[in-house]
Protein backbone atom coordinates (compact mmCIF):
# COMPACT_ATOMS: atom_id res chain seq x y z
CA MET A 1 -16.74 -143.94 45.24
CA ILE A 2 -15.32 -146.58 47.14
CA VAL A 3 -17.10 -149.47 49.67
CA ALA A 4 -15.88 -147.73 52.61
CA ASP A 5 -17.49 -144.54 51.59
CA GLU A 6 -20.68 -146.07 51.08
CA VAL A 7 -20.30 -148.41 54.46
CA LEU A 8 -19.45 -145.04 56.21
CA ILE A 9 -22.34 -142.68 54.47
CA SER A 10 -25.13 -145.75 56.10
CA ALA A 11 -23.97 -146.38 59.22
CA ALA A 12 -23.98 -142.31 59.80
CA THR A 13 -27.30 -142.31 58.07
CA PHE A 14 -28.57 -144.47 60.80
CA ILE A 15 -26.93 -143.53 63.69
CA LEU A 16 -28.83 -140.34 62.36
CA LEU A 17 -32.20 -141.37 61.73
CA VAL A 18 -31.98 -143.60 65.14
CA GLY A 19 -31.05 -141.04 67.32
CA VAL A 20 -33.55 -137.95 66.03
CA SER A 21 -36.25 -140.29 66.22
CA LEU A 22 -35.58 -141.40 69.79
CA GLY A 23 -34.89 -137.78 70.85
CA CYS A 24 -37.57 -136.35 70.00
CA LEU A 25 -39.24 -139.39 71.23
CA PHE A 26 -37.74 -139.26 75.01
CA GLY A 27 -37.83 -135.38 74.46
CA HIS A 28 -41.01 -133.97 73.49
CA THR A 29 -42.29 -134.59 77.14
CA LEU A 30 -39.24 -131.38 77.79
CA LEU A 31 -41.67 -129.06 75.09
CA SER A 32 -44.81 -127.19 76.66
CA THR A 33 -48.27 -127.77 76.42
CA ARG A 34 -49.31 -125.49 73.90
CA GLN A 35 -46.35 -126.51 71.76
CA LEU A 36 -48.17 -130.22 72.37
CA GLN A 37 -51.69 -129.27 70.95
CA GLU A 38 -53.01 -131.61 68.41
CA ASP A 39 -53.12 -129.43 65.61
CA THR A 40 -49.07 -128.90 66.26
CA ASN A 41 -48.88 -132.50 66.06
CA SER A 42 -51.04 -132.53 62.50
CA THR A 43 -48.45 -129.57 61.26
CA VAL A 44 -45.70 -131.56 62.04
CA ARG A 45 -47.24 -135.02 60.49
CA VAL A 46 -48.56 -133.02 57.16
CA VAL A 47 -44.72 -131.37 56.20
CA ALA A 48 -43.44 -134.85 57.52
CA ASN A 49 -46.34 -136.70 54.75
CA ILE A 50 -44.52 -133.73 52.00
CA PHE A 51 -41.24 -135.34 52.81
CA VAL A 52 -41.74 -138.81 52.63
CA VAL A 53 -43.30 -138.56 49.42
CA ILE A 54 -40.05 -136.50 47.75
CA ALA A 55 -37.66 -138.70 49.52
CA SER A 56 -40.03 -141.27 47.68
CA LEU A 57 -39.38 -140.31 44.48
CA VAL A 58 -35.46 -139.30 44.89
CA LEU A 59 -34.68 -142.51 46.08
CA GLY A 60 -36.85 -144.24 43.46
CA LEU A 61 -34.73 -142.22 40.62
CA MET A 62 -31.57 -143.13 42.54
CA LEU A 63 -32.40 -146.88 42.95
CA ASN A 64 -32.94 -146.17 38.63
CA SER A 65 -29.87 -144.19 38.16
CA ALA A 66 -27.64 -146.58 39.68
CA LYS A 67 -29.19 -149.68 37.93
CA ASN A 68 -28.62 -148.01 34.58
CA THR A 69 -25.24 -147.90 35.47
CA PHE A 70 -24.94 -151.01 36.57
CA GLN A 71 -25.97 -152.46 33.30
CA ASP A 72 -24.26 -150.13 31.04
CA VAL A 73 -21.26 -151.60 32.29
CA ASP A 74 -22.15 -154.88 32.42
CA ASP A 75 -23.01 -154.63 28.84
CA ALA A 76 -20.28 -152.29 28.28
CA VAL A 77 -17.81 -155.35 29.34
CA HIS A 78 -19.74 -157.89 27.38
CA THR A 79 -18.64 -155.79 24.13
CA TYR A 80 -15.22 -155.37 25.55
CA ALA A 81 -14.76 -159.46 25.71
CA THR A 82 -15.68 -159.60 22.06
CA ASP A 83 -13.92 -157.26 20.94
CA LEU A 84 -10.96 -158.73 22.82
CA ILE A 85 -11.49 -162.25 21.25
CA LEU A 86 -11.86 -161.23 17.73
CA LEU A 87 -8.26 -158.90 18.11
CA ASP A 88 -7.07 -161.78 19.09
CA LYS A 89 -8.04 -164.39 16.43
CA THR A 90 -7.28 -161.40 13.81
CA VAL A 91 -3.68 -160.86 15.50
CA ARG A 92 -3.22 -164.98 15.34
CA THR A 93 -3.20 -164.44 11.22
CA LEU A 94 -0.46 -162.09 11.25
CA GLY A 95 2.08 -164.48 11.53
CA PRO A 96 5.19 -164.40 14.27
CA ALA A 97 4.57 -160.74 14.66
CA GLY A 98 0.71 -161.34 15.48
CA GLU A 99 2.16 -164.29 18.06
CA GLU A 100 3.73 -161.62 19.91
CA ILE A 101 0.60 -159.97 20.18
CA HIS A 102 -1.22 -162.82 21.18
CA GLN A 103 1.26 -163.66 24.41
CA GLY A 104 0.58 -159.79 25.33
CA ILE A 105 -3.26 -159.83 24.84
CA ILE A 106 -3.13 -163.37 27.54
CA ALA A 107 -0.64 -161.37 29.59
CA TYR A 108 -3.09 -158.21 29.77
CA LEU A 109 -5.58 -160.35 31.09
CA ASP A 110 -3.86 -162.11 33.37
CA ARG A 111 -2.77 -159.18 35.50
CA ALA A 112 -6.12 -157.54 35.27
CA LEU A 113 -7.74 -160.53 36.48
CA SER A 114 -5.94 -161.41 38.90
CA ALA A 115 -4.85 -157.61 40.38
CA SER A 116 -8.31 -156.86 40.73
CA PRO A 117 -11.37 -157.38 39.34
CA GLY A 118 -11.11 -157.45 35.83
CA VAL A 119 -13.67 -154.16 35.34
CA ALA A 120 -11.66 -151.91 38.08
CA PRO A 121 -8.98 -149.57 36.68
CA ASP A 122 -5.42 -150.98 36.88
CA GLY A 123 -2.12 -149.05 35.85
CA GLN A 124 0.11 -152.02 35.67
CA ALA A 125 -2.62 -153.47 32.83
CA GLU A 126 -3.14 -150.29 31.27
CA ILE A 127 0.90 -150.34 30.72
CA LEU A 128 0.01 -153.92 28.56
CA LEU A 129 -2.76 -152.87 27.48
CA GLU A 130 -0.62 -149.74 25.51
CA ASP A 131 1.91 -152.11 24.92
CA ILE A 132 -0.39 -154.06 22.72
CA GLY A 133 -1.32 -151.33 20.94
CA ASN A 134 2.61 -150.41 20.37
CA ARG A 135 3.10 -153.60 19.25
CA LEU A 136 0.32 -153.31 16.61
CA ARG A 137 1.85 -149.85 15.07
CA ALA A 138 4.70 -152.08 14.64
CA VAL A 139 3.64 -154.42 12.69
CA GLN A 140 4.49 -154.23 8.77
CA ALA A 141 2.25 -155.41 6.31
CA THR A 142 4.16 -157.69 3.12
CA ASN A 143 1.41 -158.15 0.82
CA ASP A 144 -2.35 -157.12 0.31
CA GLN A 145 -3.78 -159.57 3.32
CA GLN A 146 -1.52 -158.94 5.66
CA THR A 147 -2.73 -155.21 5.13
CA ALA A 148 -6.26 -155.85 5.51
CA LEU A 149 -5.92 -157.65 8.12
CA LEU A 150 -3.36 -155.44 9.58
CA ILE A 151 -6.20 -151.83 9.56
CA GLU A 152 -9.25 -154.98 10.75
CA ALA A 153 -6.64 -155.75 13.87
CA ARG A 154 -6.38 -152.01 14.36
CA GLN A 155 -9.77 -150.91 13.97
CA LEU A 156 -10.48 -153.93 16.77
CA TYR A 157 -7.91 -152.38 19.00
CA ARG A 158 -9.25 -148.87 19.29
CA ALA A 159 -12.63 -150.65 19.95
CA VAL A 160 -11.40 -152.38 22.64
CA LEU A 161 -9.73 -149.02 23.72
CA ASP A 162 -13.14 -147.02 23.64
CA GLN A 163 -15.38 -150.00 25.73
CA ARG A 164 -12.20 -150.00 28.22
CA TRP A 165 -12.49 -146.38 28.58
CA VAL A 166 -16.00 -146.69 28.73
CA ILE A 167 -16.10 -149.33 31.60
CA VAL A 168 -13.65 -147.46 33.42
CA GLY A 169 -15.38 -144.53 33.49
CA GLN A 170 -19.12 -145.24 34.58
CA SER A 171 -17.43 -147.29 37.36
CA GLY A 172 -16.88 -144.20 39.73
CA GLY A 173 -20.67 -143.68 40.13
CA THR A 174 -23.24 -141.04 38.58
CA ILE A 175 -25.19 -139.94 42.00
CA PRO A 176 -23.79 -136.70 43.13
CA MET A 177 -22.97 -136.18 47.03
CA PRO A 178 -25.04 -133.36 47.51
CA LEU A 179 -27.80 -135.51 46.51
CA ILE A 180 -27.32 -137.77 48.85
CA VAL A 181 -26.64 -135.41 51.60
CA VAL A 182 -30.24 -133.30 50.84
CA MET A 183 -31.71 -137.05 51.16
CA ILE A 184 -29.92 -138.11 54.30
CA ALA A 185 -31.51 -134.51 56.01
CA TRP A 186 -34.80 -135.58 54.61
CA LEU A 187 -34.99 -138.88 56.12
CA VAL A 188 -33.97 -136.78 59.62
CA VAL A 189 -36.99 -134.72 59.02
CA ILE A 190 -39.44 -137.93 58.42
CA PHE A 191 -37.79 -139.79 61.39
CA ALA A 192 -38.29 -136.85 63.95
CA SER A 193 -41.66 -136.47 62.74
CA PHE A 194 -42.22 -140.20 63.70
CA GLY A 195 -40.75 -139.97 67.26
CA PHE A 196 -42.72 -136.50 68.36
CA ARG A 197 -45.26 -137.36 70.75
CA SER A 198 -45.55 -141.40 69.86
CA PRO A 199 -46.31 -143.87 72.66
CA ARG A 200 -42.70 -143.96 74.44
CA ASN A 201 -42.79 -148.19 74.54
CA ALA A 202 -40.45 -151.18 73.50
CA VAL A 203 -42.84 -151.83 70.05
CA VAL A 204 -42.18 -148.16 69.22
CA ILE A 205 -38.59 -147.48 69.65
CA GLY A 206 -38.13 -150.90 68.35
CA THR A 207 -40.02 -149.84 64.82
CA LEU A 208 -38.14 -147.40 64.80
CA VAL A 209 -34.75 -149.14 64.98
CA SER A 210 -35.41 -151.17 62.81
CA ALA A 211 -37.02 -148.97 60.17
CA ALA A 212 -34.13 -146.68 60.46
CA LEU A 213 -31.43 -150.32 59.59
CA LEU A 214 -33.25 -151.19 56.65
CA ILE A 215 -33.74 -147.42 55.14
CA SER A 216 -30.01 -147.22 55.93
CA ALA A 217 -28.79 -150.73 54.53
CA SER A 218 -31.35 -149.58 51.61
CA LEU A 219 -29.30 -146.43 50.82
CA CYS A 220 -25.87 -148.67 51.21
CA LEU A 221 -27.17 -151.41 48.33
CA ILE A 222 -27.99 -148.48 46.49
CA LEU A 223 -24.99 -146.33 46.69
CA ASP A 224 -22.84 -149.67 45.82
CA MET A 225 -24.80 -150.78 42.95
CA ASP A 226 -23.55 -147.46 41.70
CA ASN A 227 -20.03 -148.36 41.91
CA PRO A 228 -19.84 -151.80 39.90
CA SER A 229 -16.03 -152.71 39.94
CA SER A 230 -16.58 -152.77 43.39
CA GLY A 231 -18.67 -153.63 47.07
CA LEU A 232 -21.02 -156.37 47.24
CA ILE A 233 -23.11 -155.81 44.18
CA GLN A 234 -20.56 -156.01 41.35
CA VAL A 235 -20.05 -156.44 37.43
CA SER A 236 -19.20 -159.68 36.40
CA ASP A 237 -15.69 -159.97 34.71
CA GLU A 238 -16.06 -164.06 34.22
CA PRO A 239 -16.78 -162.61 30.49
CA LEU A 240 -13.29 -161.54 30.19
CA GLN A 241 -12.20 -165.11 31.85
CA ARG A 242 -14.08 -166.89 29.44
CA VAL A 243 -12.26 -165.06 26.94
CA LEU A 244 -8.80 -166.11 28.17
CA GLU A 245 -9.53 -169.50 28.75
CA GLN A 246 -10.64 -169.76 24.73
CA ILE A 247 -7.69 -167.54 23.36
CA ARG A 248 -5.21 -170.16 25.73
CA GLN A 249 -6.42 -172.94 23.55
């Protein structure tokens, strides 16, 4: 889910909530006297309260899921940065062949950090990362010490690849769209009940519009956090920037 999707969902939710609440606020007078009796109003309120409880629980679960996704990607980025700097330190002990790999790591980080946020997928950066592996596999050890270093470097490269795909795999969001649609439907029912038999004045209208705005903004932020590679709430690529500064020294 990209940023435009999150904003679109939030805007659509706001329009729906305002529309249905104001529609019920101004349209309930068209109902018959029997439909406006107090027992009808009580039943509507009871049903709405059920949805309020369910929606509150599900929103809490969505927020927790988004927070866990964000935290997992952030932890993976730190581990990824650590593996990269260890890989660089190891290959630099391999001599001239290791120097080529060292330059390849610099080129990879330059591309990953300049083309897009370091945690976002980038095709050209992935090619450069694969090239590091190809160069590493082409190195021939000349003694036992180099053999041990080469084995360690290849293990670190495998760890770098593993962490990279963990980051890519978790950066797309985990909250399913059907759950989002159902949540919005529940909110529509709740706001419709708010407008039913409410007094028509500026305070009520302002309250309904403000509540719709805040609920929509909260949903947008939850979806944004669930997609850590873009939007207002992003996982920082500062650990990768520090790695690049360190290995250039």
